[in-house]
N, C-alpha and C. Protein backbone atom coordinates (compact mmCIF):
# COMPACT_ATOMS: atom_id res chain seq x y z
N MET A 1 13.19 7.98 16.50
CA MET A 1 14.15 7.00 16.90
C MET A 1 15.39 7.16 16.04
N PHE A 2 16.51 7.31 16.60
CA PHE A 2 17.75 7.56 15.89
C PHE A 2 18.14 6.35 15.03
N GLY A 3 18.42 6.60 13.78
CA GLY A 3 18.89 5.56 12.90
C GLY A 3 17.74 4.68 12.31
N ALA A 4 16.48 4.94 12.65
CA ALA A 4 15.41 4.15 12.13
C ALA A 4 15.25 4.40 10.62
N PRO A 5 14.99 3.37 9.83
CA PRO A 5 14.84 3.56 8.37
C PRO A 5 13.59 4.41 8.11
N LYS A 6 13.66 5.18 7.07
CA LYS A 6 12.53 6.07 6.75
C LYS A 6 11.62 5.32 5.74
N THR A 7 10.31 5.55 5.92
CA THR A 7 9.33 5.01 4.98
C THR A 7 9.52 5.68 3.64
N LYS A 8 9.50 4.88 2.58
CA LYS A 8 9.64 5.43 1.21
C LYS A 8 8.27 5.79 0.70
N ASP A 9 8.11 7.06 0.35
CA ASP A 9 6.88 7.56 -0.19
C ASP A 9 6.92 7.53 -1.71
N LEU A 10 5.87 6.94 -2.30
CA LEU A 10 5.74 6.98 -3.78
C LEU A 10 4.56 7.84 -4.11
N THR A 11 4.65 8.55 -5.24
CA THR A 11 3.56 9.37 -5.72
C THR A 11 2.54 8.47 -6.46
N PRO A 12 1.32 8.95 -6.64
CA PRO A 12 0.37 8.15 -7.41
C PRO A 12 0.88 7.82 -8.81
N GLN A 13 1.57 8.75 -9.41
CA GLN A 13 2.09 8.48 -10.77
C GLN A 13 3.17 7.38 -10.78
N GLN A 14 4.02 7.36 -9.74
CA GLN A 14 5.01 6.31 -9.63
C GLN A 14 4.35 4.95 -9.39
N VAL A 15 3.35 4.92 -8.56
CA VAL A 15 2.63 3.63 -8.31
C VAL A 15 1.91 3.19 -9.56
N LYS A 16 1.28 4.07 -10.30
CA LYS A 16 0.56 3.73 -11.54
C LYS A 16 1.55 3.13 -12.53
N ALA A 17 2.68 3.81 -12.76
CA ALA A 17 3.66 3.32 -13.69
C ALA A 17 4.22 1.95 -13.30
N ALA A 18 4.48 1.77 -12.02
CA ALA A 18 5.02 0.47 -11.55
C ALA A 18 3.96 -0.61 -11.62
N LEU A 19 2.71 -0.31 -11.34
CA LEU A 19 1.63 -1.30 -11.51
C LEU A 19 1.51 -1.70 -12.94
N ASP A 20 1.51 -0.73 -13.81
CA ASP A 20 1.38 -1.04 -15.26
C ASP A 20 2.53 -1.87 -15.76
N ALA A 21 3.71 -1.66 -15.18
CA ALA A 21 4.91 -2.43 -15.61
C ALA A 21 5.01 -3.79 -14.89
N GLY A 22 4.09 -4.05 -13.94
CA GLY A 22 4.14 -5.30 -13.21
C GLY A 22 5.30 -5.38 -12.24
N GLU A 23 5.75 -4.24 -11.75
CA GLU A 23 6.89 -4.18 -10.86
C GLU A 23 6.55 -4.20 -9.37
N ILE A 24 5.27 -3.95 -9.04
CA ILE A 24 4.90 -3.89 -7.61
C ILE A 24 3.72 -4.77 -7.30
N LEU A 25 3.58 -5.10 -6.03
CA LEU A 25 2.37 -5.73 -5.48
C LEU A 25 1.77 -4.64 -4.59
N LEU A 26 0.65 -4.16 -4.92
CA LEU A 26 -0.05 -3.11 -4.15
C LEU A 26 -0.99 -3.76 -3.16
N ILE A 27 -0.74 -3.46 -1.85
CA ILE A 27 -1.58 -4.04 -0.82
C ILE A 27 -2.30 -2.90 -0.11
N ASP A 28 -3.65 -2.96 -0.19
CA ASP A 28 -4.54 -1.96 0.40
C ASP A 28 -4.83 -2.38 1.83
N VAL A 29 -4.45 -1.58 2.80
CA VAL A 29 -4.63 -1.94 4.20
C VAL A 29 -5.89 -1.36 4.84
N ARG A 30 -6.79 -0.84 3.96
CA ARG A 30 -8.10 -0.38 4.51
C ARG A 30 -8.96 -1.60 4.84
N GLU A 31 -10.06 -1.33 5.52
CA GLU A 31 -11.00 -2.37 5.93
C GLU A 31 -11.75 -2.94 4.70
N PRO A 32 -12.23 -4.21 4.80
CA PRO A 32 -12.86 -4.84 3.64
C PRO A 32 -14.01 -4.03 3.03
N ASP A 33 -14.80 -3.34 3.86
CA ASP A 33 -15.95 -2.57 3.32
C ASP A 33 -15.44 -1.39 2.50
N GLU A 34 -14.38 -0.77 2.95
CA GLU A 34 -13.78 0.36 2.19
C GLU A 34 -13.23 -0.15 0.86
N PHE A 35 -12.53 -1.30 0.94
CA PHE A 35 -11.92 -1.89 -0.26
C PHE A 35 -13.00 -2.27 -1.25
N ALA A 36 -14.09 -2.88 -0.76
CA ALA A 36 -15.16 -3.32 -1.63
C ALA A 36 -15.84 -2.11 -2.32
N ALA A 37 -15.95 -0.97 -1.61
CA ALA A 37 -16.62 0.20 -2.17
C ALA A 37 -15.82 0.86 -3.31
N GLU A 38 -14.51 0.95 -3.10
CA GLU A 38 -13.69 1.61 -4.11
C GLU A 38 -12.21 1.21 -3.86
N ARG A 39 -11.51 0.90 -4.94
CA ARG A 39 -10.13 0.46 -4.85
C ARG A 39 -9.35 0.75 -6.12
N ILE A 40 -8.02 0.59 -6.03
CA ILE A 40 -7.18 0.70 -7.17
C ILE A 40 -7.11 -0.65 -7.82
N ALA A 41 -7.30 -0.71 -9.12
CA ALA A 41 -7.31 -1.98 -9.83
C ALA A 41 -5.96 -2.67 -9.62
N GLY A 42 -6.01 -3.94 -9.26
CA GLY A 42 -4.80 -4.71 -9.05
C GLY A 42 -4.38 -4.80 -7.61
N ALA A 43 -4.96 -3.98 -6.73
CA ALA A 43 -4.61 -4.02 -5.30
C ALA A 43 -5.25 -5.24 -4.66
N VAL A 44 -4.58 -5.78 -3.65
CA VAL A 44 -5.12 -6.83 -2.81
C VAL A 44 -5.36 -6.24 -1.43
N ASN A 45 -6.36 -6.81 -0.73
CA ASN A 45 -6.73 -6.27 0.57
C ASN A 45 -6.13 -7.07 1.72
N ALA A 46 -5.51 -6.35 2.66
CA ALA A 46 -4.94 -6.95 3.89
C ALA A 46 -5.17 -5.90 4.94
N PRO A 47 -6.33 -5.90 5.58
CA PRO A 47 -6.72 -4.85 6.54
C PRO A 47 -5.71 -4.65 7.68
N LEU A 48 -5.42 -3.38 7.99
CA LEU A 48 -4.49 -3.08 9.08
C LEU A 48 -4.98 -3.63 10.42
N SER A 49 -6.30 -3.68 10.59
CA SER A 49 -6.87 -4.11 11.90
C SER A 49 -6.50 -5.53 12.23
N ARG A 50 -6.16 -6.36 11.26
CA ARG A 50 -5.75 -7.72 11.49
C ARG A 50 -4.52 -8.08 10.68
N LEU A 51 -3.65 -7.09 10.47
CA LEU A 51 -2.47 -7.25 9.63
C LEU A 51 -1.49 -8.22 10.30
N SER A 52 -1.07 -9.22 9.54
CA SER A 52 -0.02 -10.13 9.95
C SER A 52 1.09 -10.04 8.89
N PRO A 53 2.14 -9.24 9.18
CA PRO A 53 3.18 -9.06 8.16
C PRO A 53 3.69 -10.32 7.54
N ALA A 54 3.85 -11.38 8.31
CA ALA A 54 4.38 -12.66 7.78
C ALA A 54 3.37 -13.31 6.86
N ALA A 55 2.09 -13.00 7.00
CA ALA A 55 1.05 -13.64 6.19
C ALA A 55 0.67 -12.84 4.94
N LEU A 56 1.35 -11.73 4.70
CA LEU A 56 1.05 -10.92 3.50
C LEU A 56 1.32 -11.76 2.25
N PRO A 57 0.60 -11.53 1.20
CA PRO A 57 0.83 -12.25 -0.06
C PRO A 57 2.29 -12.11 -0.48
N LYS A 58 2.84 -13.17 -1.08
CA LYS A 58 4.20 -13.18 -1.55
C LYS A 58 4.32 -12.31 -2.81
N ALA A 59 5.34 -11.54 -2.90
CA ALA A 59 5.48 -10.56 -3.99
C ALA A 59 6.16 -11.11 -5.23
N ASP A 60 6.74 -12.33 -5.11
CA ASP A 60 7.41 -12.92 -6.30
C ASP A 60 8.37 -11.96 -6.99
N GLY A 61 9.24 -11.37 -6.25
CA GLY A 61 10.25 -10.49 -6.82
C GLY A 61 9.81 -9.04 -7.05
N LYS A 62 8.55 -8.78 -6.82
CA LYS A 62 8.06 -7.41 -6.97
C LYS A 62 8.26 -6.64 -5.64
N THR A 63 8.25 -5.33 -5.73
CA THR A 63 8.29 -4.49 -4.54
C THR A 63 6.88 -4.40 -3.98
N VAL A 64 6.76 -4.58 -2.66
CA VAL A 64 5.45 -4.44 -2.03
C VAL A 64 5.23 -2.97 -1.68
N VAL A 65 4.10 -2.46 -2.08
CA VAL A 65 3.73 -1.06 -1.77
C VAL A 65 2.41 -1.17 -1.02
N LEU A 66 2.41 -0.50 0.15
CA LEU A 66 1.15 -0.45 0.95
C LEU A 66 0.37 0.83 0.63
N GLN A 67 -0.91 0.76 0.84
CA GLN A 67 -1.81 1.87 0.46
C GLN A 67 -3.01 1.86 1.32
N CYS A 68 -3.52 3.05 1.68
CA CYS A 68 -4.78 3.15 2.45
C CYS A 68 -5.54 4.33 1.84
N ALA A 69 -6.39 4.97 2.70
CA ALA A 69 -7.21 6.04 2.20
C ALA A 69 -6.43 7.33 2.11
N GLY A 70 -5.58 7.63 3.07
CA GLY A 70 -4.86 8.93 3.11
C GLY A 70 -3.41 8.87 3.38
N GLY A 71 -2.87 7.68 3.68
CA GLY A 71 -1.44 7.50 3.92
C GLY A 71 -1.07 7.20 5.37
N LYS A 72 -1.95 7.44 6.30
CA LYS A 72 -1.61 7.20 7.70
C LYS A 72 -1.56 5.74 8.05
N ARG A 73 -2.61 5.01 7.68
CA ARG A 73 -2.64 3.58 8.01
C ARG A 73 -1.59 2.79 7.25
N SER A 74 -1.29 3.17 6.00
CA SER A 74 -0.23 2.44 5.28
C SER A 74 1.11 2.73 5.92
N ALA A 75 1.37 3.94 6.42
CA ALA A 75 2.61 4.22 7.13
C ALA A 75 2.71 3.42 8.41
N MET A 76 1.59 3.25 9.11
CA MET A 76 1.57 2.46 10.32
C MET A 76 1.83 0.98 9.97
N ALA A 77 1.29 0.50 8.83
CA ALA A 77 1.54 -0.87 8.39
C ALA A 77 2.99 -1.12 8.05
N VAL A 78 3.62 -0.10 7.39
CA VAL A 78 5.05 -0.20 7.09
C VAL A 78 5.82 -0.38 8.40
N ASP A 79 5.45 0.39 9.40
CA ASP A 79 6.13 0.30 10.69
C ASP A 79 5.93 -1.09 11.34
N GLN A 80 4.73 -1.60 11.24
CA GLN A 80 4.43 -2.95 11.77
C GLN A 80 5.26 -4.02 11.04
N CYS A 81 5.37 -3.87 9.76
CA CYS A 81 6.15 -4.83 8.94
C CYS A 81 7.64 -4.76 9.37
N ARG A 82 8.11 -3.53 9.51
CA ARG A 82 9.51 -3.35 9.90
C ARG A 82 9.80 -4.01 11.25
N LYS A 83 8.91 -3.78 12.22
CA LYS A 83 9.09 -4.36 13.52
C LYS A 83 9.01 -5.90 13.49
N ALA A 84 8.28 -6.42 12.53
CA ALA A 84 8.17 -7.90 12.42
C ALA A 84 9.30 -8.49 11.55
N GLY A 85 10.19 -7.62 11.11
CA GLY A 85 11.33 -8.13 10.35
C GLY A 85 11.06 -8.30 8.88
N GLU A 86 9.93 -7.82 8.38
CA GLU A 86 9.62 -7.89 6.97
C GLU A 86 10.21 -6.68 6.26
N LEU A 87 10.81 -6.91 5.10
CA LEU A 87 11.41 -5.83 4.33
C LEU A 87 10.41 -5.08 3.43
N ILE A 88 9.47 -4.48 4.10
CA ILE A 88 8.42 -3.71 3.39
C ILE A 88 8.58 -2.29 3.91
N GLU A 89 8.89 -1.35 3.02
CA GLU A 89 9.17 0.00 3.51
C GLU A 89 8.59 1.09 2.62
N THR A 90 7.71 0.72 1.66
CA THR A 90 7.19 1.64 0.70
C THR A 90 5.68 1.75 0.77
N HIS A 91 5.19 2.99 0.64
CA HIS A 91 3.72 3.18 0.61
C HIS A 91 3.36 4.29 -0.38
N LEU A 92 2.09 4.30 -0.73
CA LEU A 92 1.52 5.36 -1.58
C LEU A 92 1.23 6.57 -0.74
N ALA A 93 2.09 7.61 -0.87
CA ALA A 93 1.90 8.82 -0.08
C ALA A 93 0.53 9.46 -0.43
N GLY A 94 -0.24 9.74 0.57
CA GLY A 94 -1.53 10.36 0.34
C GLY A 94 -2.68 9.36 0.04
N GLY A 95 -2.29 8.10 -0.13
CA GLY A 95 -3.27 7.03 -0.28
C GLY A 95 -4.18 7.21 -1.50
N LEU A 96 -5.38 6.64 -1.34
CA LEU A 96 -6.42 6.66 -2.38
C LEU A 96 -6.81 8.08 -2.67
N ALA A 97 -6.81 8.93 -1.68
CA ALA A 97 -7.20 10.34 -1.90
C ALA A 97 -6.25 10.99 -2.89
N ALA A 98 -4.96 10.77 -2.74
CA ALA A 98 -3.93 11.35 -3.66
C ALA A 98 -4.14 10.73 -5.03
N TRP A 99 -4.37 9.41 -5.09
CA TRP A 99 -4.56 8.72 -6.35
C TRP A 99 -5.70 9.35 -7.14
N LYS A 100 -6.83 9.59 -6.46
CA LYS A 100 -8.00 10.18 -7.10
C LYS A 100 -7.73 11.61 -7.49
N ALA A 101 -7.04 12.37 -6.62
CA ALA A 101 -6.74 13.77 -6.88
C ALA A 101 -5.83 13.90 -8.16
N ALA A 102 -5.03 12.85 -8.43
CA ALA A 102 -4.20 12.85 -9.60
C ALA A 102 -4.99 12.43 -10.84
N GLY A 103 -6.26 12.17 -10.70
CA GLY A 103 -7.09 11.86 -11.82
C GLY A 103 -6.93 10.40 -12.28
N LEU A 104 -6.42 9.55 -11.45
CA LEU A 104 -6.22 8.17 -11.79
C LEU A 104 -7.47 7.33 -11.53
N PRO A 105 -7.67 6.25 -12.30
CA PRO A 105 -8.95 5.51 -12.16
C PRO A 105 -8.99 4.60 -10.96
N THR A 106 -10.22 4.36 -10.50
CA THR A 106 -10.49 3.43 -9.42
C THR A 106 -11.55 2.44 -9.89
N VAL A 107 -11.67 1.33 -9.16
CA VAL A 107 -12.74 0.38 -9.36
C VAL A 107 -13.76 0.52 -8.28
N ASN A 108 -15.05 0.60 -8.67
CA ASN A 108 -16.12 0.75 -7.67
C ASN A 108 -16.94 -0.52 -7.58
N GLY A 109 -17.33 -0.83 -6.35
CA GLY A 109 -18.21 -1.97 -6.13
C GLY A 109 -17.60 -3.31 -6.32
């Protein structure tokens, strides 16, 4: 689509640094069972299957970053937010897989 804003991709290292600095709200759009099995510490769960952009947690001045397993669902969620008029345009490129490939820690169980 001509003139459509582009989704902003963040690397795992950028997300980790921003999380550590308290600059972002990380929202994991995977399903609850996926989130319960393994997640990034500090992420909150808002499954794509029932995503309501207006009902997402308030970021209190932080940048909202969406995340999933591989980057596809979070990019879809960014698009849904954009269509709903929410100013959410950033996601973790490569998702949890990229995070783990970068050697960053996760929380299990």
